[in-house]
C-alpha atoms as a PDB file:
ATOM      1  CA  UNK A   1    -117.743 -92.768 -93.785  1.00  0.00           C
ATOM      2  CA  UNK A   2    -120.161 -90.821 -91.612  1.00  0.00           C
ATOM      3  CA  UNK A   3    -118.212 -87.846 -90.201  1.00  0.00           C
ATOM      4  CA  UNK A   4    -119.933 -88.414 -86.864  1.00  0.00           C
ATOM      5  CA  UNK A   5    -117.972 -91.678 -86.567  1.00  0.00           C
ATOM      6  CA  UNK A   6    -114.567 -90.145 -87.180  1.00  0.00           C
ATOM      7  CA  UNK A   7    -112.115 -90.545 -84.337  1.00  0.00           C
ATOM      8  CA  UNK A   8    -112.140 -87.447 -82.122  1.00  0.00           C
ATOM      9  CA  UNK A   9    -109.045 -85.288 -82.256  1.00  0.00           C
ATOM     10  CA  UNK A  10    -107.866 -84.007 -78.894  1.00  0.00           C
ATOM     11  CA  UNK A  11    -105.262 -81.540 -77.815  1.00  0.00           C
ATOM     12  CA  UNK A  12    -103.149 -82.225 -74.737  1.00  0.00           C
ATOM     13  CA  UNK A  13    -105.233 -79.667 -72.857  1.00  0.00           C
ATOM     14  CA  UNK A  14    -108.476 -81.646 -73.306  1.00  0.00           C
ATOM     15  CA  UNK A  15    -109.788 -82.980 -70.027  1.00  0.00           C
ATOM     16  CA  UNK A  16    -110.414 -86.676 -69.507  1.00  0.00           C
ATOM     17  CA  UNK A  17    -114.137 -85.935 -69.275  1.00  0.00           C
ATOM     18  CA  UNK A  18    -114.137 -84.160 -72.640  1.00  0.00           C
ATOM     19  CA  UNK A  19    -112.186 -87.003 -74.240  1.00  0.00           C
ATOM     20  CA  UNK A  20    -114.624 -89.568 -72.899  1.00  0.00           C
ATOM     21  CA  UNK A  21    -117.672 -87.614 -74.067  1.00  0.00           C
ATOM     22  CA  UNK A  22    -116.234 -87.311 -77.578  1.00  0.00           C
ATOM     23  CA  UNK A  23    -115.191 -90.961 -77.634  1.00  0.00           C
ATOM     24  CA  UNK A  24    -118.555 -92.063 -76.285  1.00  0.00           C
ATOM     25  CA  UNK A  25    -120.339 -90.236 -79.110  1.00  0.00           C
ATOM     26  CA  UNK A  26    -118.202 -92.147 -81.622  1.00  0.00           C
ATOM     27  CA  UNK A  27    -118.416 -95.586 -80.029  1.00  0.00           C
ATOM     28  CA  UNK A  28    -122.109 -95.486 -79.120  1.00  0.00           C
ATOM     29  CA  UNK A  29    -122.948 -94.424 -82.691  1.00  0.00           C
ATOM     30  CA  UNK A  30    -120.682 -97.064 -84.238  1.00  0.00           C
ATOM     31  CA  UNK A  31    -121.369-100.054 -81.974  1.00  0.00           C
ATOM     32  CA  UNK A  32    -124.786 -99.275 -80.500  1.00  0.00           C
ATOM     33  CA  UNK A  33    -125.696 -98.334 -76.966  1.00  0.00           C
ATOM     34  CA  UNK A  34    -126.019-101.907 -75.732  1.00  0.00           C
ATOM     35  CA  UNK A  35    -122.939-103.324 -77.464  1.00  0.00           C
ATOM     36  CA  UNK A  36    -120.585-100.421 -76.737  1.00  0.00           C
ATOM     37  CA  UNK A  37    -118.183-101.211 -73.930  1.00  0.00           C
ATOM     38  CA  UNK A  38    -116.523 -98.924 -71.437  1.00  0.00           C
ATOM     39  CA  UNK A  39    -113.219-100.545 -72.362  1.00  0.00           C
ATOM     40  CA  UNK A  40    -113.577 -99.494 -76.017  1.00  0.00           C
ATOM     41  CA  UNK A  41    -114.723 -95.997 -75.119  1.00  0.00           C
ATOM     42  CA  UNK A  42    -111.715 -95.608 -72.842  1.00  0.00           C
ATOM     43  CA  UNK A  43    -109.415 -96.900 -75.590  1.00  0.00           C
ATOM     44  CA  UNK A  44    -110.739 -94.404 -78.149  1.00  0.00           C
ATOM     45  CA  UNK A  45    -110.495 -91.627 -75.567  1.00  0.00           C
ATOM     46  CA  UNK A  46    -106.936 -92.597 -74.711  1.00  0.00           C
ATOM     47  CA  UNK A  47    -107.627 -92.889 -70.986  1.00  0.00           C
ATOM     48  CA  UNK A  48    -107.731 -95.669 -68.421  1.00  0.00           C
ATOM     49  CA  UNK A  49    -111.083 -97.457 -68.141  1.00  0.00           C
ATOM     50  CA  UNK A  50    -111.110 -96.748 -64.416  1.00  0.00           C
ATOM     51  CA  UNK A  51    -111.443 -93.060 -65.283  1.00  0.00           C
ATOM     52  CA  UNK A  52    -114.936 -93.707 -66.677  1.00  0.00           C
ATOM     53  CA  UNK A  53    -116.122 -95.071 -63.356  1.00  0.00           C
ATOM     54  CA  UNK A  54    -114.385 -92.304 -61.438  1.00  0.00           C
ATOM     55  CA  UNK A  55    -116.059 -89.584 -63.475  1.00  0.00           C
ATOM     56  CA  UNK A  56    -119.412 -91.163 -64.410  1.00  0.00           C
ATOM     57  CA  UNK A  57    -119.748 -94.159 -62.049  1.00  0.00           C
ATOM     58  CA  UNK A  58    -121.338 -96.384 -64.721  1.00  0.00           C
ATOM     59  CA  UNK A  59    -122.002 -96.752 -68.440  1.00  0.00           C
ATOM     60  CA  UNK A  60    -125.577 -95.478 -68.131  1.00  0.00           C
ATOM     61  CA  UNK A  61    -124.461 -92.174 -66.653  1.00  0.00           C
ATOM     62  CA  UNK A  62    -121.831 -91.859 -69.377  1.00  0.00           C
ATOM     63  CA  UNK A  63    -124.504 -92.422 -72.034  1.00  0.00           C
ATOM     64  CA  UNK A  64    -126.657 -89.710 -70.466  1.00  0.00           C
ATOM     65  CA  UNK A  65    -123.751 -87.281 -70.453  1.00  0.00           C
ATOM     66  CA  UNK A  66    -122.878 -88.123 -74.066  1.00  0.00           C
ATOM     67  CA  UNK A  67    -126.422 -87.464 -75.306  1.00  0.00           C
ATOM     68  CA  UNK A  68    -126.517 -84.135 -73.495  1.00  0.00           C
ATOM     69  CA  UNK A  69    -123.026 -83.275 -74.765  1.00  0.00           C
ATOM     70  CA  UNK A  70    -123.900 -84.037 -78.406  1.00  0.00           C
ATOM     71  CA  UNK A  71    -127.413 -82.682 -78.749  1.00  0.00           C
ATOM     72  CA  UNK A  72    -128.327 -80.347 -75.891  1.00  0.00           C
ATOM     73  CA  UNK A  73    -126.094 -77.333 -76.782  1.00  0.00           C
ATOM     74  CA  UNK A  74    -127.515 -76.883 -80.278  1.00  0.00           C
ATOM     75  CA  UNK A  75    -131.042 -77.650 -79.071  1.00  0.00           C
ATOM     76  CA  UNK A  76    -130.729 -74.705 -76.696  1.00  0.00           C
ATOM     77  CA  UNK A  77    -130.207 -72.353 -79.636  1.00  0.00           C
ATOM     78  CA  UNK A  78    -132.888 -70.754 -81.751  1.00  0.00           C
ATOM     79  CA  UNK A  79    -136.159 -69.124 -80.829  1.00  0.00           C
ATOM     80  CA  UNK A  80    -136.491 -66.005 -78.737  1.00  0.00           C
ATOM     81  CA  UNK A  81    -139.137 -65.614 -76.037  1.00  0.00           C
ATOM     82  CA  UNK A  82    -142.789 -66.082 -77.046  1.00  0.00           C
ATOM     83  CA  UNK A  83    -143.472 -62.405 -76.301  1.00  0.00           C
ATOM     84  CA  UNK A  84    -141.485 -61.507 -79.429  1.00  0.00           C
ATOM     85  CA  UNK A  85    -143.675 -63.542 -81.806  1.00  0.00           C
ATOM     86  CA  UNK A  86    -144.550 -61.498 -84.891  1.00  0.00           C
ATOM     87  CA  UNK A  87    -144.067 -63.919 -87.793  1.00  0.00           C
ATOM     88  CA  UNK A  88    -145.338 -67.509 -87.929  1.00  0.00           C
ATOM     89  CA  UNK A  89    -142.998 -68.463 -90.774  1.00  0.00           C
ATOM     90  CA  UNK A  90    -139.982 -67.222 -88.832  1.00  0.00           C
ATOM     91  CA  UNK A  91    -141.033 -69.269 -85.785  1.00  0.00           C
ATOM     92  CA  UNK A  92    -141.221 -72.483 -87.770  1.00  0.00           C
ATOM     93  CA  UNK A  93    -138.109 -71.709 -89.826  1.00  0.00           C
ATOM     94  CA  UNK A  94    -135.868 -70.987 -86.842  1.00  0.00           C
ATOM     95  CA  UNK A  95    -137.050 -74.076 -84.995  1.00  0.00           C
ATOM     96  CA  UNK A  96    -136.728 -76.351 -88.032  1.00  0.00           C
ATOM     97  CA  UNK A  97    -133.230 -75.133 -88.860  1.00  0.00           C
ATOM     98  CA  UNK A  98    -132.028 -75.433 -85.268  1.00  0.00           C
ATOM     99  CA  UNK A  99    -133.596 -78.866 -84.772  1.00  0.00           C
ATOM    100  CA  UNK A 100    -132.153 -80.189 -88.042  1.00  0.00           C
ATOM    101  CA  UNK A 101    -128.707 -78.828 -87.159  1.00  0.00           C
ATOM    102  CA  UNK A 102    -128.781 -80.575 -83.777  1.00  0.00           C
ATOM    103  CA  UNK A 103    -129.725 -83.934 -85.323  1.00  0.00           C
ATOM    104  CA  UNK A 104    -127.035 -83.568 -87.976  1.00  0.00           C
ATOM    105  CA  UNK A 105    -124.371 -83.390 -85.258  1.00  0.00           C
ATOM    106  CA  UNK A 106    -124.513 -87.189 -85.041  1.00  0.00           C
ATOM    107  CA  UNK A 107    -127.210 -88.766 -87.249  1.00  0.00           C
ATOM    108  CA  UNK A 108    -125.782 -92.248 -86.720  1.00  0.00           C
ATOM    109  CA  UNK A 109    -126.362 -91.899 -82.990  1.00  0.00           C
ATOM    110  CA  UNK A 110    -129.947 -90.861 -83.725  1.00  0.00           C
ATOM    111  CA  UNK A 111    -130.388 -94.040 -85.763  1.00  0.00           C
ATOM    112  CA  UNK A 112    -129.013 -96.076 -82.869  1.00  0.00           C
ATOM    113  CA  UNK A 113    -131.469 -94.451 -80.470  1.00  0.00           C
ATOM    114  CA  UNK A 114    -134.372 -95.260 -82.781  1.00  0.00           C
ATOM    115  CA  UNK A 115    -133.204 -98.832 -83.360  1.00  0.00           C
ATOM    116  CA  UNK A 116    -132.670 -99.666 -79.698  1.00  0.00           C
ATOM    117  CA  UNK A 117    -135.408 -97.661 -78.005  1.00  0.00           C
ATOM    118  CA  UNK A 118    -137.649-100.709 -77.545  1.00  0.00           C
ATOM    119  CA  UNK A 119    -135.005-102.151 -75.216  1.00  0.00           C
ATOM    120  CA  UNK A 120    -134.547 -99.013 -73.118  1.00  0.00           C
ATOM    121  CA  UNK A 121    -135.486 -98.824 -69.477  1.00  0.00           C
ATOM    122  CA  UNK A 122    -137.719 -96.045 -68.151  1.00  0.00           C
ATOM    123  CA  UNK A 123    -134.709 -94.043 -66.958  1.00  0.00           C
ATOM    124  CA  UNK A 124    -133.033 -94.138 -70.374  1.00  0.00           C
ATOM    125  CA  UNK A 125    -136.231 -93.048 -72.125  1.00  0.00           C
ATOM    126  CA  UNK A 126    -136.656 -90.169 -69.667  1.00  0.00           C
ATOM    127  CA  UNK A 127    -133.062 -89.105 -70.366  1.00  0.00           C
ATOM    128  CA  UNK A 128    -133.656 -89.017 -74.119  1.00  0.00           C
ATOM    129  CA  UNK A 129    -136.906 -87.088 -73.700  1.00  0.00           C
ATOM    130  CA  UNK A 130    -135.196 -84.707 -71.313  1.00  0.00           C
ATOM    131  CA  UNK A 131    -132.536 -83.807 -73.883  1.00  0.00           C
ATOM    132  CA  UNK A 132    -135.061 -82.918 -76.577  1.00  0.00           C
ATOM    133  CA  UNK A 133    -137.975 -81.693 -74.425  1.00  0.00           C
ATOM    134  CA  UNK A 134    -136.887 -78.041 -73.915  1.00  0.00           C
ATOM    135  CA  UNK A 135    -136.678 -77.353 -77.650  1.00  0.00           C
ATOM    136  CA  UNK A 136    -140.073 -78.987 -78.207  1.00  0.00           C
ATOM    137  CA  UNK A 137    -141.624 -76.967 -75.385  1.00  0.00           C
ATOM    138  CA  UNK A 138    -140.261 -73.695 -76.761  1.00  0.00           C
ATOM    139  CA  UNK A 139    -141.880 -74.412 -80.115  1.00  0.00           C
ATOM    140  CA  UNK A 140    -145.178 -75.237 -78.398  1.00  0.00           C
ATOM    141  CA  UNK A 141    -145.009 -71.968 -76.457  1.00  0.00           C
ATOM    142  CA  UNK A 142    -144.289 -70.007 -79.633  1.00  0.00           C
ATOM    143  CA  UNK A 143    -147.105 -71.650 -81.581  1.00  0.00           C
ATOM    144  CA  UNK A 144    -149.497 -70.938 -78.722  1.00  0.00           C
ATOM    145  CA  UNK A 145    -148.322 -67.317 -78.662  1.00  0.00           C
ATOM    146  CA  UNK A 146    -148.866 -67.124 -82.431  1.00  0.00           C
ATOM    147  CA  UNK A 147    -152.444 -68.293 -81.898  1.00  0.00           C
ATOM    148  CA  UNK A 148    -153.012 -65.657 -79.248  1.00  0.00           C
ATOM    149  CA  UNK A 149    -151.511 -62.992 -81.511  1.00  0.00           C
ATOM    150  CA  UNK A 150    -153.883 -63.931 -84.330  1.00  0.00           C
ATOM    151  CA  UNK A 151    -151.057 -65.202 -86.561  1.00  0.00           C
ATOM    152  CA  UNK A 152    -152.097 -68.860 -86.452  1.00  0.00           C
ATOM    153  CA  UNK A 153    -155.370 -70.716 -86.543  1.00  0.00           C
ATOM    154  CA  UNK A 154    -156.954 -71.502 -83.196  1.00  0.00           C
ATOM    155  CA  UNK A 155    -158.250 -74.962 -84.187  1.00  0.00           C
ATOM    156  CA  UNK A 156    -154.999 -76.942 -83.853  1.00  0.00           C
ATOM    157  CA  UNK A 157    -153.154 -78.337 -80.852  1.00  0.00           C
ATOM    158  CA  UNK A 158    -149.673 -76.732 -80.591  1.00  0.00           C
ATOM    159  CA  UNK A 159    -148.312 -79.908 -78.950  1.00  0.00           C
ATOM    160  CA  UNK A 160    -149.451 -82.097 -81.814  1.00  0.00           C
ATOM    161  CA  UNK A 161    -148.184 -79.598 -84.370  1.00  0.00           C
ATOM    162  CA  UNK A 162    -144.761 -79.486 -82.685  1.00  0.00           C
ATOM    163  CA  UNK A 163    -144.514 -83.280 -82.739  1.00  0.00           C
ATOM    164  CA  UNK A 164    -145.489 -83.387 -86.407  1.00  0.00           C
ATOM    165  CA  UNK A 165    -142.900 -80.764 -87.341  1.00  0.00           C
ATOM    166  CA  UNK A 166    -140.170 -82.548 -85.374  1.00  0.00           C
ATOM    167  CA  UNK A 167    -141.058 -85.922 -86.890  1.00  0.00           C
ATOM    168  CA  UNK A 168    -140.847 -84.601 -90.440  1.00  0.00           C
ATOM    169  CA  UNK A 169    -137.516 -82.877 -89.753  1.00  0.00           C
ATOM    170  CA  UNK A 170    -136.163 -86.051 -88.152  1.00  0.00           C
ATOM    171  CA  UNK A 171    -137.094 -88.212 -91.127  1.00  0.00           C
ATOM    172  CA  UNK A 172    -135.654 -85.674 -93.536  1.00  0.00           C
ATOM    173  CA  UNK A 173    -132.329 -85.506 -91.708  1.00  0.00           C
ATOM    174  CA  UNK A 174    -132.058 -89.300 -91.609  1.00  0.00           C
ATOM    175  CA  UNK A 175    -132.833 -89.534 -95.313  1.00  0.00           C
ATOM    176  CA  UNK A 176    -130.413 -86.794 -96.274  1.00  0.00           C
ATOM    177  CA  UNK A 177    -127.553 -88.343 -94.293  1.00  0.00           C
ATOM    178  CA  UNK A 178    -127.834 -91.793 -95.822  1.00  0.00           C
ATOM    179  CA  UNK A 179    -124.914 -92.750 -98.108  1.00  0.00           C
ATOM    180  CA  UNK A 180    -127.132 -92.528-101.180  1.00  0.00           C
ATOM    181  CA  UNK A 181    -127.260 -90.128-104.134  1.00  0.00           C
ATOM    182  CA  UNK A 182    -129.242 -87.025-103.107  1.00  0.00           C
ATOM    183  CA  UNK A 183    -132.833 -86.886-104.242  1.00  0.00           C
ATOM    184  CA  UNK A 184    -134.302 -83.817-105.929  1.00  0.00           C
ATOM    185  CA  UNK A 185    -135.226 -81.165-103.421  1.00  0.00           C
ATOM    186  CA  UNK A 186    -133.181 -82.462-100.496  1.00  0.00           C
ATOM    187  CA  UNK A 187    -131.062 -79.304-100.342  1.00  0.00           C
ATOM    188  CA  UNK A 188    -134.178 -77.238 -99.649  1.00  0.00           C
ATOM    189  CA  UNK A 189    -135.817 -79.815 -97.393  1.00  0.00           C
ATOM    190  CA  UNK A 190    -136.107 -77.625 -94.310  1.00  0.00           C
ATOM    191  CA  UNK A 191    -137.489 -74.684 -96.273  1.00  0.00           C
ATOM    192  CA  UNK A 192    -140.003 -77.005 -97.931  1.00  0.00           C
ATOM    193  CA  UNK A 193    -141.153 -78.246 -94.517  1.00  0.00           C
ATOM    194  CA  UNK A 194    -141.466 -74.685 -93.282  1.00  0.00           C
ATOM    195  CA  UNK A 195    -143.625 -73.719 -96.249  1.00  0.00           C
ATOM    196  CA  UNK A 196    -145.883 -76.759 -95.824  1.00  0.00           C
ATOM    197  CA  UNK A 197    -146.468 -76.299 -92.117  1.00  0.00           C
ATOM    198  CA  UNK A 198    -146.882 -72.542 -92.267  1.00  0.00           C
ATOM    199  CA  UNK A 199    -149.521 -72.908 -94.969  1.00  0.00           C
ATOM    200  CA  UNK A 200    -151.330 -75.425 -92.766  1.00  0.00           C
ATOM    201  CA  UNK A 201    -151.142 -73.419 -89.521  1.00  0.00           C
ATOM    202  CA  UNK A 202    -151.392 -69.789 -90.549  1.00  0.00           C
ATOM    203  CA  UNK A 203    -154.572 -67.806 -90.052  1.00  0.00           C
ATOM    204  CA  UNK A 204    -155.882 -66.570 -93.367  1.00  0.00           C
ATOM    205  CA  UNK A 205    -158.222 -63.727 -94.149  1.00  0.00           C
ATOM    206  CA  UNK A 206    -161.604 -64.983 -95.250  1.00  0.00           C
ATOM    207  CA  UNK A 207    -162.330 -61.901 -97.345  1.00  0.00           C
END
């Protein structure tokens, strides 16, 4: 069983909000965003359903809070300011490791987001983008700084490169968390991605 679907364990000191966020992460990942009910989330959290509406007002706001609760903290970790850029490989490695770690917090919820995104309203899509946008923008800023520092080629778009790196990491995390026998090389997947992208983006001496 996916560990992200395990029932959350709470201490008596846990607030109702914390219990609902943890329960929401479990139920949304297990049942899907559309099919999950506030009644089931409240049951798993061990609180009255009315508490959801008191704290979050509606299911949509709860979903927003759950996504931020699950993914935003780890997405905030990683790269320093662009002014400290001295090593292109380190830029890509730190971002890739941090991004992969954030996705691995609840890969089943990521699969749900991908599977249901075509049914999302504009607000829901903006929420999802908002959770992941800061990490993406930091990578773009660092890649642009690497170009200015002469560490990376000038003939690529940092925005496109960031999206390509994130897409490859996403697919690797989803593959590695499937209940299938591991394929050769999966343990070093992130490092392999780093090597590939650094070789493609780095500025090389022509001598």
